[in-house]
N, C-alpha and C. Protein backbone atom coordinates (compact mmCIF):
# COMPACT_ATOMS: atom_id res chain seq x y z
N MET A 1 -18.74 4.81 -30.53
CA MET A 1 -19.31 3.49 -30.31
C MET A 1 -18.48 2.47 -31.09
N PRO A 2 -17.92 1.48 -30.43
CA PRO A 2 -17.16 0.44 -31.12
C PRO A 2 -18.10 -0.48 -31.91
N THR A 3 -17.64 -0.87 -33.08
CA THR A 3 -18.39 -1.79 -33.93
C THR A 3 -17.49 -2.94 -34.32
N LEU A 4 -18.00 -4.14 -34.18
CA LEU A 4 -17.30 -5.34 -34.66
C LEU A 4 -17.78 -5.59 -36.07
N GLN A 5 -16.89 -5.45 -37.05
CA GLN A 5 -17.22 -5.69 -38.44
C GLN A 5 -16.82 -7.12 -38.80
N ILE A 6 -17.77 -7.87 -39.31
CA ILE A 6 -17.57 -9.28 -39.66
C ILE A 6 -17.84 -9.42 -41.15
N GLU A 7 -17.02 -10.23 -41.80
CA GLU A 7 -17.18 -10.42 -43.25
C GLU A 7 -16.83 -11.86 -43.60
N HIS A 8 -17.67 -12.46 -44.44
CA HIS A 8 -17.40 -13.81 -44.94
C HIS A 8 -18.38 -14.16 -46.05
N ARG A 9 -18.04 -15.18 -46.79
CA ARG A 9 -18.98 -15.75 -47.76
C ARG A 9 -19.70 -16.90 -47.08
N VAL A 10 -20.87 -17.23 -47.57
CA VAL A 10 -21.63 -18.37 -47.08
C VAL A 10 -22.03 -19.23 -48.27
N ARG A 11 -22.18 -20.51 -48.05
CA ARG A 11 -22.62 -21.40 -49.14
C ARG A 11 -24.11 -21.26 -49.40
N ASP A 12 -24.88 -20.99 -48.33
CA ASP A 12 -26.34 -20.93 -48.43
C ASP A 12 -26.81 -19.81 -47.49
N TYR A 13 -27.24 -18.69 -48.07
CA TYR A 13 -27.61 -17.53 -47.25
C TYR A 13 -28.75 -17.87 -46.29
N GLU A 14 -29.78 -18.53 -46.78
CA GLU A 14 -30.95 -18.82 -45.93
C GLU A 14 -30.56 -19.71 -44.74
N ALA A 15 -29.71 -20.70 -44.97
CA ALA A 15 -29.25 -21.55 -43.86
C ALA A 15 -28.40 -20.74 -42.89
N TRP A 16 -27.53 -19.87 -43.43
CA TRP A 16 -26.71 -19.03 -42.57
C TRP A 16 -27.59 -18.11 -41.74
N LYS A 17 -28.60 -17.49 -42.37
CA LYS A 17 -29.48 -16.55 -41.67
C LYS A 17 -30.23 -17.25 -40.55
N GLN A 18 -30.65 -18.46 -40.79
CA GLN A 18 -31.34 -19.22 -39.74
C GLN A 18 -30.40 -19.47 -38.56
N ALA A 19 -29.15 -19.82 -38.84
CA ALA A 19 -28.16 -20.00 -37.78
C ALA A 19 -27.90 -18.69 -37.05
N PHE A 20 -27.80 -17.58 -37.79
CA PHE A 20 -27.59 -16.27 -37.18
C PHE A 20 -28.75 -15.93 -36.24
N GLU A 21 -29.96 -16.17 -36.69
CA GLU A 21 -31.14 -15.87 -35.89
C GLU A 21 -31.23 -16.74 -34.64
N SER A 22 -30.65 -17.95 -34.68
CA SER A 22 -30.66 -18.80 -33.49
C SER A 22 -29.69 -18.28 -32.43
N ASP A 23 -28.81 -17.36 -32.82
CA ASP A 23 -27.92 -16.63 -31.91
C ASP A 23 -27.05 -17.55 -31.05
N PRO A 24 -26.21 -18.36 -31.68
CA PRO A 24 -25.42 -19.34 -30.91
C PRO A 24 -24.37 -18.73 -29.99
N VAL A 25 -23.99 -17.46 -30.22
CA VAL A 25 -22.96 -16.85 -29.38
C VAL A 25 -23.59 -15.93 -28.32
N GLY A 26 -24.87 -15.65 -28.42
CA GLY A 26 -25.55 -14.82 -27.44
C GLY A 26 -25.23 -13.34 -27.59
N ARG A 27 -25.75 -12.74 -28.67
CA ARG A 27 -25.44 -11.35 -28.96
C ARG A 27 -25.82 -10.40 -27.83
N GLN A 28 -27.06 -10.45 -27.38
CA GLN A 28 -27.50 -9.50 -26.36
C GLN A 28 -26.73 -9.68 -25.05
N ALA A 29 -26.56 -10.92 -24.62
CA ALA A 29 -25.80 -11.19 -23.39
C ALA A 29 -24.33 -10.79 -23.55
N GLY A 30 -23.83 -10.81 -24.79
CA GLY A 30 -22.45 -10.44 -25.06
C GLY A 30 -22.22 -8.95 -25.23
N GLY A 31 -23.28 -8.15 -25.07
CA GLY A 31 -23.12 -6.71 -25.12
C GLY A 31 -23.50 -6.05 -26.43
N VAL A 32 -24.00 -6.81 -27.40
CA VAL A 32 -24.40 -6.21 -28.68
C VAL A 32 -25.63 -5.33 -28.45
N ARG A 33 -25.54 -4.08 -28.90
CA ARG A 33 -26.64 -3.13 -28.74
C ARG A 33 -27.49 -3.04 -30.00
N SER A 34 -26.88 -3.26 -31.16
CA SER A 34 -27.62 -3.28 -32.43
C SER A 34 -26.76 -3.98 -33.46
N TYR A 35 -27.40 -4.40 -34.55
CA TYR A 35 -26.62 -5.02 -35.63
C TYR A 35 -27.22 -4.67 -36.97
N ARG A 36 -26.38 -4.78 -38.00
CA ARG A 36 -26.78 -4.58 -39.38
C ARG A 36 -26.19 -5.73 -40.21
N ILE A 37 -26.97 -6.23 -41.14
CA ILE A 37 -26.51 -7.26 -42.07
C ILE A 37 -26.60 -6.69 -43.47
N SER A 38 -25.52 -6.82 -44.23
CA SER A 38 -25.48 -6.37 -45.62
C SER A 38 -24.94 -7.50 -46.48
N ARG A 39 -25.24 -7.43 -47.76
CA ARG A 39 -24.66 -8.36 -48.73
C ARG A 39 -24.14 -7.56 -49.90
N LEU A 40 -23.08 -8.06 -50.53
CA LEU A 40 -22.56 -7.38 -51.71
C LEU A 40 -23.62 -7.41 -52.81
N ALA A 41 -23.76 -6.30 -53.50
CA ALA A 41 -24.76 -6.19 -54.57
C ALA A 41 -24.51 -7.19 -55.68
N ASP A 42 -23.23 -7.47 -55.96
CA ASP A 42 -22.90 -8.39 -57.05
C ASP A 42 -22.59 -9.80 -56.57
N ASP A 43 -22.71 -10.05 -55.26
CA ASP A 43 -22.46 -11.38 -54.71
C ASP A 43 -23.27 -11.55 -53.42
N PRO A 44 -24.54 -11.95 -53.51
CA PRO A 44 -25.39 -12.02 -52.33
C PRO A 44 -24.98 -13.10 -51.31
N LEU A 45 -23.97 -13.91 -51.65
CA LEU A 45 -23.46 -14.87 -50.68
C LEU A 45 -22.31 -14.30 -49.86
N HIS A 46 -21.91 -13.08 -50.16
CA HIS A 46 -20.86 -12.39 -49.40
C HIS A 46 -21.55 -11.49 -48.38
N VAL A 47 -21.40 -11.84 -47.11
CA VAL A 47 -22.16 -11.20 -46.04
C VAL A 47 -21.25 -10.30 -45.21
N LEU A 48 -21.78 -9.14 -44.85
CA LEU A 48 -21.10 -8.20 -43.96
C LEU A 48 -22.03 -7.95 -42.78
N ILE A 49 -21.53 -8.08 -41.57
CA ILE A 49 -22.32 -7.87 -40.37
C ILE A 49 -21.61 -6.84 -39.52
N GLU A 50 -22.36 -5.91 -38.98
CA GLU A 50 -21.81 -4.93 -38.06
C GLU A 50 -22.56 -5.04 -36.74
N LEU A 51 -21.81 -5.27 -35.66
CA LEU A 51 -22.37 -5.39 -34.32
C LEU A 51 -21.88 -4.20 -33.50
N ASP A 52 -22.78 -3.44 -32.93
CA ASP A 52 -22.42 -2.25 -32.16
C ASP A 52 -22.41 -2.58 -30.66
N PHE A 53 -21.43 -1.99 -29.96
CA PHE A 53 -21.23 -2.22 -28.52
C PHE A 53 -21.07 -0.88 -27.81
N GLU A 54 -21.27 -0.90 -26.51
CA GLU A 54 -21.03 0.28 -25.68
C GLU A 54 -19.55 0.47 -25.39
N SER A 55 -18.79 -0.63 -25.31
CA SER A 55 -17.38 -0.51 -24.93
C SER A 55 -16.48 -1.32 -25.86
N LEU A 56 -15.26 -0.87 -25.96
CA LEU A 56 -14.25 -1.56 -26.76
C LEU A 56 -13.99 -2.95 -26.19
N ALA A 57 -13.95 -3.08 -24.88
CA ALA A 57 -13.70 -4.38 -24.25
C ALA A 57 -14.78 -5.39 -24.62
N GLU A 58 -16.05 -4.96 -24.65
CA GLU A 58 -17.14 -5.87 -25.04
C GLU A 58 -16.98 -6.32 -26.49
N ALA A 59 -16.64 -5.38 -27.38
CA ALA A 59 -16.49 -5.71 -28.79
C ALA A 59 -15.35 -6.70 -29.00
N GLU A 60 -14.22 -6.46 -28.33
CA GLU A 60 -13.07 -7.37 -28.48
C GLU A 60 -13.37 -8.75 -27.90
N ALA A 61 -14.03 -8.79 -26.75
CA ALA A 61 -14.36 -10.09 -26.13
C ALA A 61 -15.33 -10.87 -27.02
N PHE A 62 -16.30 -10.18 -27.60
CA PHE A 62 -17.25 -10.86 -28.48
C PHE A 62 -16.56 -11.37 -29.73
N GLY A 63 -15.63 -10.58 -30.26
CA GLY A 63 -14.85 -11.04 -31.41
C GLY A 63 -14.09 -12.31 -31.10
N ASP A 64 -13.52 -12.39 -29.91
CA ASP A 64 -12.81 -13.61 -29.50
C ASP A 64 -13.76 -14.80 -29.42
N ARG A 65 -14.96 -14.57 -28.90
CA ARG A 65 -15.96 -15.65 -28.82
C ARG A 65 -16.37 -16.12 -30.21
N LEU A 66 -16.54 -15.18 -31.14
CA LEU A 66 -16.88 -15.54 -32.51
C LEU A 66 -15.79 -16.38 -33.16
N ARG A 67 -14.54 -15.95 -33.00
CA ARG A 67 -13.43 -16.69 -33.61
C ARG A 67 -13.35 -18.12 -33.06
N ALA A 68 -13.61 -18.28 -31.78
CA ALA A 68 -13.62 -19.62 -31.17
C ALA A 68 -14.74 -20.46 -31.78
N MET A 69 -15.91 -19.87 -31.97
CA MET A 69 -17.01 -20.61 -32.58
C MET A 69 -16.66 -20.99 -34.01
N TRP A 70 -16.07 -20.04 -34.77
CA TRP A 70 -15.72 -20.33 -36.15
C TRP A 70 -14.75 -21.50 -36.24
N SER A 71 -13.81 -21.57 -35.32
CA SER A 71 -12.83 -22.66 -35.38
C SER A 71 -13.48 -24.01 -35.10
N ASN A 72 -14.60 -24.00 -34.39
CA ASN A 72 -15.29 -25.25 -34.06
C ASN A 72 -16.37 -25.63 -35.08
N VAL A 73 -17.14 -24.64 -35.55
CA VAL A 73 -18.29 -24.97 -36.40
C VAL A 73 -18.39 -24.12 -37.67
N GLY A 74 -17.40 -23.31 -37.94
CA GLY A 74 -17.46 -22.44 -39.11
C GLY A 74 -17.67 -23.19 -40.41
N GLU A 75 -16.96 -24.28 -40.58
CA GLU A 75 -17.10 -25.08 -41.81
C GLU A 75 -18.51 -25.67 -41.92
N ARG A 76 -19.02 -26.17 -40.82
CA ARG A 76 -20.37 -26.75 -40.82
C ARG A 76 -21.43 -25.69 -41.13
N LEU A 77 -21.18 -24.45 -40.70
CA LEU A 77 -22.11 -23.36 -40.99
C LEU A 77 -21.97 -22.82 -42.41
N GLY A 78 -20.97 -23.32 -43.13
CA GLY A 78 -20.77 -22.90 -44.52
C GLY A 78 -20.06 -21.57 -44.65
N LEU A 79 -19.28 -21.17 -43.64
CA LEU A 79 -18.55 -19.91 -43.70
C LEU A 79 -17.25 -20.08 -44.47
N GLU A 80 -16.96 -19.14 -45.31
CA GLU A 80 -15.70 -19.13 -46.06
C GLU A 80 -14.90 -17.90 -45.67
N ARG A 81 -13.72 -18.12 -45.15
CA ARG A 81 -12.78 -17.05 -44.78
C ARG A 81 -13.39 -15.97 -43.89
N PRO A 82 -13.96 -16.36 -42.74
CA PRO A 82 -14.53 -15.33 -41.87
C PRO A 82 -13.44 -14.44 -41.27
N THR A 83 -13.73 -13.15 -41.22
CA THR A 83 -12.84 -12.19 -40.58
C THR A 83 -13.67 -11.28 -39.68
N ALA A 84 -13.01 -10.74 -38.67
CA ALA A 84 -13.67 -9.79 -37.77
C ALA A 84 -12.64 -8.78 -37.30
N ARG A 85 -13.07 -7.54 -37.22
CA ARG A 85 -12.20 -6.48 -36.72
C ARG A 85 -13.06 -5.45 -36.00
N VAL A 86 -12.47 -4.81 -35.00
CA VAL A 86 -13.18 -3.77 -34.26
C VAL A 86 -12.78 -2.41 -34.81
N VAL A 87 -13.77 -1.60 -35.08
CA VAL A 87 -13.54 -0.22 -35.52
C VAL A 87 -14.26 0.70 -34.55
N GLU A 88 -13.75 1.92 -34.45
CA GLU A 88 -14.41 2.94 -33.65
C GLU A 88 -14.84 4.06 -34.58
N HIS A 89 -16.10 4.40 -34.53
CA HIS A 89 -16.63 5.48 -35.36
C HIS A 89 -16.14 6.81 -34.80
N VAL A 90 -15.62 7.64 -35.68
CA VAL A 90 -15.11 8.94 -35.24
C VAL A 90 -15.92 10.11 -35.78
N GLU A 91 -16.68 9.87 -36.82
CA GLU A 91 -17.48 10.97 -37.36
C GLU A 91 -18.59 10.40 -38.23
N ARG A 92 -19.73 11.11 -38.24
CA ARG A 92 -20.84 10.74 -39.09
C ARG A 92 -21.57 12.01 -39.50
N ALA A 93 -22.02 12.04 -40.72
CA ALA A 93 -22.84 13.16 -41.21
C ALA A 93 -23.97 12.61 -42.05
N ASP A 94 -25.11 13.18 -41.93
CA ASP A 94 -26.26 12.82 -42.75
C ASP A 94 -26.56 13.97 -43.70
N TYR A 95 -26.88 13.64 -44.94
CA TYR A 95 -27.22 14.66 -45.95
C TYR A 95 -28.59 14.40 -46.49
C-alpha cells in the first residue's frame, strides 16, 4: 500500500488542525483510504501525516495537488518547510 508521508512545522497546531479537518484538497475524493497524524514528542508543532492509498498513481497525484496548494496558501496556513514523499510498505510485523 503506497503512503504519502508529509512533514512540516506549523505556527499554530489548533489552527492547522482546523484547516486539515476542512479538507481543502479533498482527501477521500483524491483516493486517501486512511490517515495518521503524529507530532514530535519534543516539538508538538512539528507535524507528520501519513496518507494511505490503493495505488501509487493516486499517491503521486495527491502529492502534486498538495504541493500546488502549498505554493498558493502554505504560508497563510502557517506551514514551515513542507515536504512530501511516497513510500511503499514492504513488510510489517506486530509483537
